[in-house]
C-alpha cells in the first residue's frame, strides 16, 4: 500500500467517524418514541384462579444490556386446559426495541446506527419499520404450563419462549429455575429482548433481572392489547395461550379490562 493510499484511507475513516458519531449520539436519545402502558390502577376483585396465577412469581432479565425499560406490570392471559393444567401467557412490555447497549452492534457503531436508522427510527426522528410492522414499544412473551393441585395451587411444569431469530424454545423446569431456585427466570440473550435464553448459570451472568409478584402481575386489559397491537401475529407469540383450546380464566367478564390508561406517543410532526 502506497503512502498516498494510506493517507486517503485514514482521511476516509476520520470522515466516517465524524459523520457517525453525532448521528449515533442523536439516535441513542429516543425517549420521545418510547411507549409503555401506564399503571392500571387499583386491582379489582380476583377469582380464585386469578389469585393462584398471580401468586406465582416470575423474573425477567437479559444477559446483554440493551435499550428499553420494562413495564412495572407483567400482564398475562390464561386458560384452563382440558387435562386439568393451567396455561399462562406472560406479556412483557419494553419501552422500545433498539440496538444500543452493551452488545456487538453498539461496539461496532455502524451496524447499530444502520439498524436504528431503518428498523427503530426513520431519519432519527420518526418511528421506523418496527413501529409500522408491529406497533408501539416492544412486547415479548413467555407461555408457562402449570400443574394444578387439588387445592388449586400451581406448580411450574415447563415453558415456551422464543429466541433472537423467533424460533420456539422449550424450557424445562430445571432450566427456568437455574438462576433462582425459588422463582423462574426468563431472559434474553439479544438486544431485541426475546426471552428464550438458557445458557446463564447464575444471576451474575445477567446484565439485569426484574422480578414480579402478585402485586405486579395482572390480567392483560383489552385496551392495552388494542393500543399496542398485541394480537398481531408477530407480537409475543409464546404468550398467546388464548389461541389454545381451553377456558379463559384471566377475565371475569367482557367489560372487566376496558378502563386501562395508556401511554402511546403519537409520531412527531414535521
Protein backbone atom coordinates (compact mmCIF):
# COMPACT_ATOMS: atom_id res chain seq x y z
CA UNK A 1 0.00 0.00 0.00
CA UNK A 2 1.42 3.37 -1.03
CA UNK A 3 1.71 6.34 1.28
CA UNK A 4 -1.00 8.20 -0.64
CA UNK A 5 -3.48 5.32 -0.27
CA UNK A 6 -2.76 5.08 3.43
CA UNK A 7 -3.41 8.80 3.94
CA UNK A 8 -6.61 8.65 1.93
CA UNK A 9 -7.89 5.72 3.96
CA UNK A 10 -7.12 7.50 7.20
CA UNK A 11 -8.97 10.57 5.99
CA UNK A 12 -11.94 8.50 4.87
CA UNK A 13 -12.09 6.69 8.22
CA UNK A 14 -11.91 10.00 10.07
CA UNK A 15 -14.71 11.38 7.89
CA UNK A 16 -16.95 8.39 8.52
CA UNK A 17 -16.37 8.61 12.27
CA UNK A 18 -17.08 12.34 12.17
CA UNK A 19 -20.39 11.65 10.44
CA UNK A 20 -21.38 8.62 12.50
CA UNK A 21 -20.57 9.94 15.97
CA UNK A 22 -23.09 12.81 16.01
CA UNK A 23 -25.68 10.62 14.31
CA UNK A 24 -25.15 7.88 16.88
CA UNK A 25 -25.48 10.32 19.76
CA UNK A 26 -28.66 11.72 18.26
CA UNK A 27 -30.01 8.25 17.66
CA UNK A 28 -29.36 7.00 21.18
CA UNK A 29 -31.75 9.57 22.64
CA UNK A 30 -35.08 8.18 21.52
CA UNK A 31 -37.21 8.73 24.61
CA UNK A 32 -39.87 10.53 22.59
CA UNK A 33 -40.52 7.24 20.77
CA UNK A 34 -40.82 5.13 23.94
CA UNK A 35 -44.17 3.64 24.90
CA UNK A 36 -45.34 1.68 27.93
CA UNK A 37 -48.78 1.01 29.42
CA UNK A 38 -49.39 3.29 32.36
CA UNK A 39 -50.20 1.96 35.81
CA UNK A 40 -53.51 0.10 35.50
CA UNK A 41 -54.96 1.42 38.74
CA UNK A 42 -56.30 -0.50 41.76
CA UNK A 43 -56.63 -4.25 41.38
CA UNK A 44 -60.25 -5.33 41.26
CA UNK A 45 -61.68 -8.44 42.85
CA UNK A 46 -59.87 -11.58 41.72
CA UNK A 47 -61.20 -15.03 41.08
CA UNK A 48 -59.59 -17.93 42.92
CA UNK A 49 -57.91 -18.97 39.68
CA UNK A 50 -56.52 -15.49 39.04
CA UNK A 51 -55.21 -15.31 42.60
CA UNK A 52 -53.37 -18.61 42.11
CA UNK A 53 -51.76 -17.34 38.90
CA UNK A 54 -50.75 -14.00 40.37
CA UNK A 55 -49.24 -15.76 43.39
CA UNK A 56 -46.59 -17.29 41.12
CA UNK A 57 -43.52 -15.01 40.96
CA UNK A 58 -41.81 -14.50 37.60
CA UNK A 59 -38.44 -12.87 36.85
CA UNK A 60 -37.29 -11.34 33.56
CA UNK A 61 -33.78 -10.35 32.57
CA UNK A 62 -31.14 -10.19 29.90
CA UNK A 63 -27.55 -11.29 29.50
CA UNK A 64 -26.88 -8.20 27.36
CA UNK A 65 -27.61 -4.61 28.24
CA UNK A 66 -29.81 -3.01 25.59
CA UNK A 67 -32.25 -0.15 25.16
CA UNK A 68 -35.75 -0.38 26.54
CA UNK A 69 -37.24 -0.22 30.05
CA UNK A 70 -39.53 -2.94 31.34
CA UNK A 71 -43.06 -2.10 32.39
CA UNK A 72 -43.83 -2.05 36.12
CA UNK A 73 -46.53 -4.63 35.46
CA UNK A 74 -46.24 -8.09 33.93
CA UNK A 75 -49.50 -8.83 32.12
CA UNK A 76 -50.98 -12.22 31.37
CA UNK A 77 -53.70 -14.22 29.67
CA UNK A 78 -54.61 -17.69 30.88
CA UNK A 79 -56.67 -20.75 30.02
CA UNK A 80 -57.67 -23.84 31.97
CA UNK A 81 -56.76 -26.87 29.86
CA UNK A 82 -58.88 -29.99 29.49
CA UNK A 83 -56.23 -32.09 31.26
CA UNK A 84 -56.53 -30.00 34.43
CA UNK A 85 -53.41 -27.92 33.91
CA UNK A 86 -53.27 -24.14 33.53
CA UNK A 87 -51.56 -22.38 30.61
CA UNK A 88 -50.46 -18.81 31.34
CA UNK A 89 -49.07 -16.43 28.74
CA UNK A 90 -46.98 -13.56 30.13
CA UNK A 91 -46.64 -10.35 28.11
CA UNK A 92 -43.51 -8.31 28.86
CA UNK A 93 -43.73 -4.69 27.69
CA UNK A 94 -40.49 -2.87 26.86
CA UNK A 95 -40.49 0.85 26.14
CA UNK A 96 -38.54 0.42 22.89
CA UNK A 97 -36.69 -2.10 20.74
CA UNK A 98 -33.39 -0.55 19.70
CA UNK A 99 -29.86 -1.95 19.36
CA UNK A 100 -27.94 0.43 21.65
CA UNK A 101 -26.34 -1.13 24.71
CA UNK A 102 -23.52 -3.40 25.80
CA UNK A 103 -23.53 -5.53 22.66
CA UNK A 104 -21.53 -6.02 19.48
CA UNK A 105 -23.82 -3.81 17.40
CA UNK A 106 -23.09 -0.82 19.61
CA UNK A 107 -19.38 -1.60 19.87
CA UNK A 108 -19.21 -1.59 16.08
CA UNK A 109 -21.23 1.68 15.93
CA UNK A 110 -22.17 1.46 12.25
CA UNK A 111 -24.32 -1.71 12.46
CA UNK A 112 -26.28 -0.30 15.40
CA UNK A 113 -26.69 3.03 13.66
CA UNK A 114 -27.88 1.34 10.47
CA UNK A 115 -30.45 -0.76 12.36
CA UNK A 116 -31.64 2.26 14.32
CA UNK A 117 -31.98 4.46 11.25
CA UNK A 118 -34.19 1.96 9.43
CA UNK A 119 -35.77 -0.51 11.85
CA UNK A 120 -36.17 1.56 15.02
CA UNK A 121 -36.33 5.11 13.73
CA UNK A 122 -36.74 6.94 10.44
CA UNK A 123 -34.26 9.77 9.92
CA UNK A 124 -33.50 9.85 13.68
CA UNK A 125 -36.91 11.38 14.42
CA UNK A 126 -39.98 9.43 13.31
CA UNK A 127 -40.80 5.81 14.21
CA UNK A 128 -39.20 3.29 11.87
CA UNK A 129 -40.22 -0.07 10.44
CA UNK A 130 -40.57 -1.65 13.86
CA UNK A 131 -43.47 0.63 14.81
CA UNK A 132 -45.10 0.28 11.39
CA UNK A 133 -44.86 -3.51 11.36
CA UNK A 134 -45.53 -4.40 14.97
CA UNK A 135 -46.81 -1.42 16.95
CA UNK A 136 -45.68 0.82 19.79
CA UNK A 137 -42.93 -0.25 22.18
CA UNK A 138 -41.81 -3.86 22.20
CA UNK A 139 -43.86 -6.77 23.51
CA UNK A 140 -42.25 -10.14 24.20
CA UNK A 141 -43.85 -13.26 25.60
CA UNK A 142 -43.48 -16.49 27.53
CA UNK A 143 -46.03 -19.27 27.87
CA UNK A 144 -45.94 -21.34 31.07
CA UNK A 145 -47.83 -24.55 31.75
CA UNK A 146 -48.61 -25.15 35.42
CA UNK A 147 -49.77 -28.35 37.08
CA UNK A 148 -52.74 -27.69 39.33
CA UNK A 149 -53.04 -29.36 42.73
CA UNK A 150 -56.33 -30.37 44.34
CA UNK A 151 -56.30 -27.21 46.46
CA UNK A 152 -55.93 -25.01 43.35
CA UNK A 153 -52.27 -24.14 43.86
CA UNK A 154 -49.98 -24.18 40.84
CA UNK A 155 -46.59 -25.77 40.17
CA UNK A 156 -44.42 -24.81 37.20
CA UNK A 157 -44.06 -27.65 34.69
CA UNK A 158 -42.50 -26.21 31.52
CA UNK A 159 -42.42 -23.06 29.40
CA UNK A 160 -42.22 -21.88 25.82
CA UNK A 161 -40.38 -18.75 24.68
CA UNK A 162 -38.59 -17.66 21.52
CA UNK A 163 -35.00 -16.78 20.68
CA UNK A 164 -33.45 -13.92 18.75
CA UNK A 165 -34.43 -15.49 15.43
CA UNK A 166 -38.04 -16.02 16.59
CA UNK A 167 -37.63 -19.79 16.78
CA UNK A 168 -39.55 -21.53 19.55
CA UNK A 169 -37.53 -22.56 22.62
CA UNK A 170 -38.90 -25.11 25.09
CA UNK A 171 -37.70 -24.59 28.66
CA UNK A 172 -37.85 -27.28 31.32
CA UNK A 173 -38.49 -26.54 34.98
CA UNK A 174 -34.80 -27.15 35.71
CA UNK A 175 -33.74 -24.62 33.08
CA UNK A 176 -36.21 -21.98 34.24
CA UNK A 177 -35.11 -22.32 37.88
CA UNK A 178 -31.34 -22.47 37.26
CA UNK A 179 -30.69 -18.84 38.22
CA UNK A 180 -33.17 -18.64 41.11
CA UNK A 181 -34.34 -21.82 42.82
CA UNK A 182 -37.49 -20.12 44.09
CA UNK A 183 -38.59 -18.15 41.02
CA UNK A 184 -38.47 -18.94 37.29
CA UNK A 185 -36.25 -16.53 35.37
CA UNK A 186 -36.73 -15.87 31.68
CA UNK A 187 -34.09 -13.81 29.96
CA UNK A 188 -32.88 -12.55 26.63
CA UNK A 189 -29.51 -13.06 25.00
CA UNK A 190 -30.12 -10.48 22.26
CA UNK A 191 -30.82 -6.74 22.09
CA UNK A 192 -34.32 -7.38 20.74
CA UNK A 193 -35.50 -8.87 24.08
CA UNK A 194 -36.77 -12.34 23.08
CA UNK A 195 -36.90 -14.33 26.30
CA UNK A 196 -35.71 -17.80 25.28
CA UNK A 197 -32.21 -17.62 26.80
CA UNK A 198 -30.95 -20.78 28.53
CA UNK A 199 -27.15 -20.60 28.91
CA UNK A 200 -26.82 -18.47 32.07
CA UNK A 201 -25.91 -20.27 35.28
CA UNK A 202 -26.21 -17.55 37.89
CA UNK A 203 -27.64 -14.07 38.37
CA UNK A 204 -24.19 -12.61 37.80
CA UNK A 205 -24.39 -13.84 34.20
CA UNK A 206 -27.20 -11.36 33.53
CA UNK A 207 -26.95 -7.63 32.93
CA UNK A 208 -30.22 -7.09 34.81
CA UNK A 209 -33.08 -9.02 36.41
CA UNK A 210 -36.53 -7.76 37.38
CA UNK A 211 -38.94 -9.89 39.38
CA UNK A 212 -42.72 -9.62 39.53
CA UNK A 213 -45.03 -10.87 42.27
CA UNK A 214 -48.75 -10.81 42.93
CA UNK A 215 -48.67 -7.05 43.40
CA UNK A 216 -47.37 -6.51 39.87
CA UNK A 217 -48.84 -9.41 37.85
CA UNK A 218 -52.16 -8.52 36.24
CA UNK A 219 -54.54 -9.73 33.53
CA UNK A 220 -53.87 -8.04 30.20
CA UNK A 221 -56.51 -5.32 29.64
CA UNK A 222 -58.08 -5.38 26.21
CA UNK A 223 -57.47 -1.63 25.91
CA UNK A 224 -53.74 -2.20 26.29
CA UNK A 225 -53.84 -5.12 23.87
CA UNK A 226 -55.51 -2.93 21.24
CA UNK A 227 -53.26 0.08 21.77
CA UNK A 228 -50.08 -1.99 21.46
CA UNK A 229 -51.44 -4.30 18.74
CA UNK A 230 -50.70 -7.29 20.94
CA UNK A 231 -52.91 -9.60 18.92
CA UNK A 232 -50.82 -9.24 15.77
CA UNK A 233 -49.26 -12.48 14.58
CA UNK A 234 -45.71 -11.33 15.40
CA UNK A 235 -46.21 -9.85 18.87
CA UNK A 236 -45.22 -12.17 21.71
CA UNK A 237 -46.31 -15.44 20.04
CA UNK A 238 -45.49 -17.74 23.00
CA UNK A 239 -47.80 -15.75 25.29
CA UNK A 240 -50.93 -16.18 23.17
CA UNK A 241 -52.32 -19.11 25.13
CA UNK A 242 -55.86 -17.90 24.39
CA UNK A 243 -55.35 -19.42 20.94
CA UNK A 244 -55.14 -22.85 22.53
CA UNK A 245 -58.19 -24.88 23.42
CA UNK A 246 -59.27 -24.16 26.92
CA UNK A 247 -61.46 -22.00 29.16
CA UNK A 248 -60.31 -18.40 29.57
CA UNK A 249 -59.67 -17.65 33.23
CA UNK A 250 -57.87 -14.30 33.06
CA UNK A 251 -61.10 -12.30 32.61
CA UNK A 252 -64.30 -12.35 34.66
CA UNK A 253 -66.48 -10.74 32.02
CA UNK A 254 -66.22 -8.79 28.78
CA UNK A 255 -66.13 -5.36 30.44
CA UNK A 256 -63.52 -6.08 33.12
CA UNK A 257 -60.49 -4.72 31.31
CA UNK A 258 -61.82 -1.73 29.39
CA UNK A 259 -60.68 1.10 31.64
CA UNK A 260 -56.88 0.95 31.46
CA UNK A 261 -54.93 4.17 31.00
CA UNK A 262 -52.34 4.17 28.24
CA UNK A 263 -49.19 5.97 27.21
CA UNK A 264 -48.71 5.66 23.46
CA UNK A 265 -46.99 8.73 21.98
CA UNK A 266 -48.10 9.92 18.58
CA UNK A 267 -45.44 10.22 15.87
CA UNK A 268 -43.84 13.67 15.94
CA UNK A 269 -44.98 16.14 13.31
CA UNK A 270 -42.76 17.63 10.69
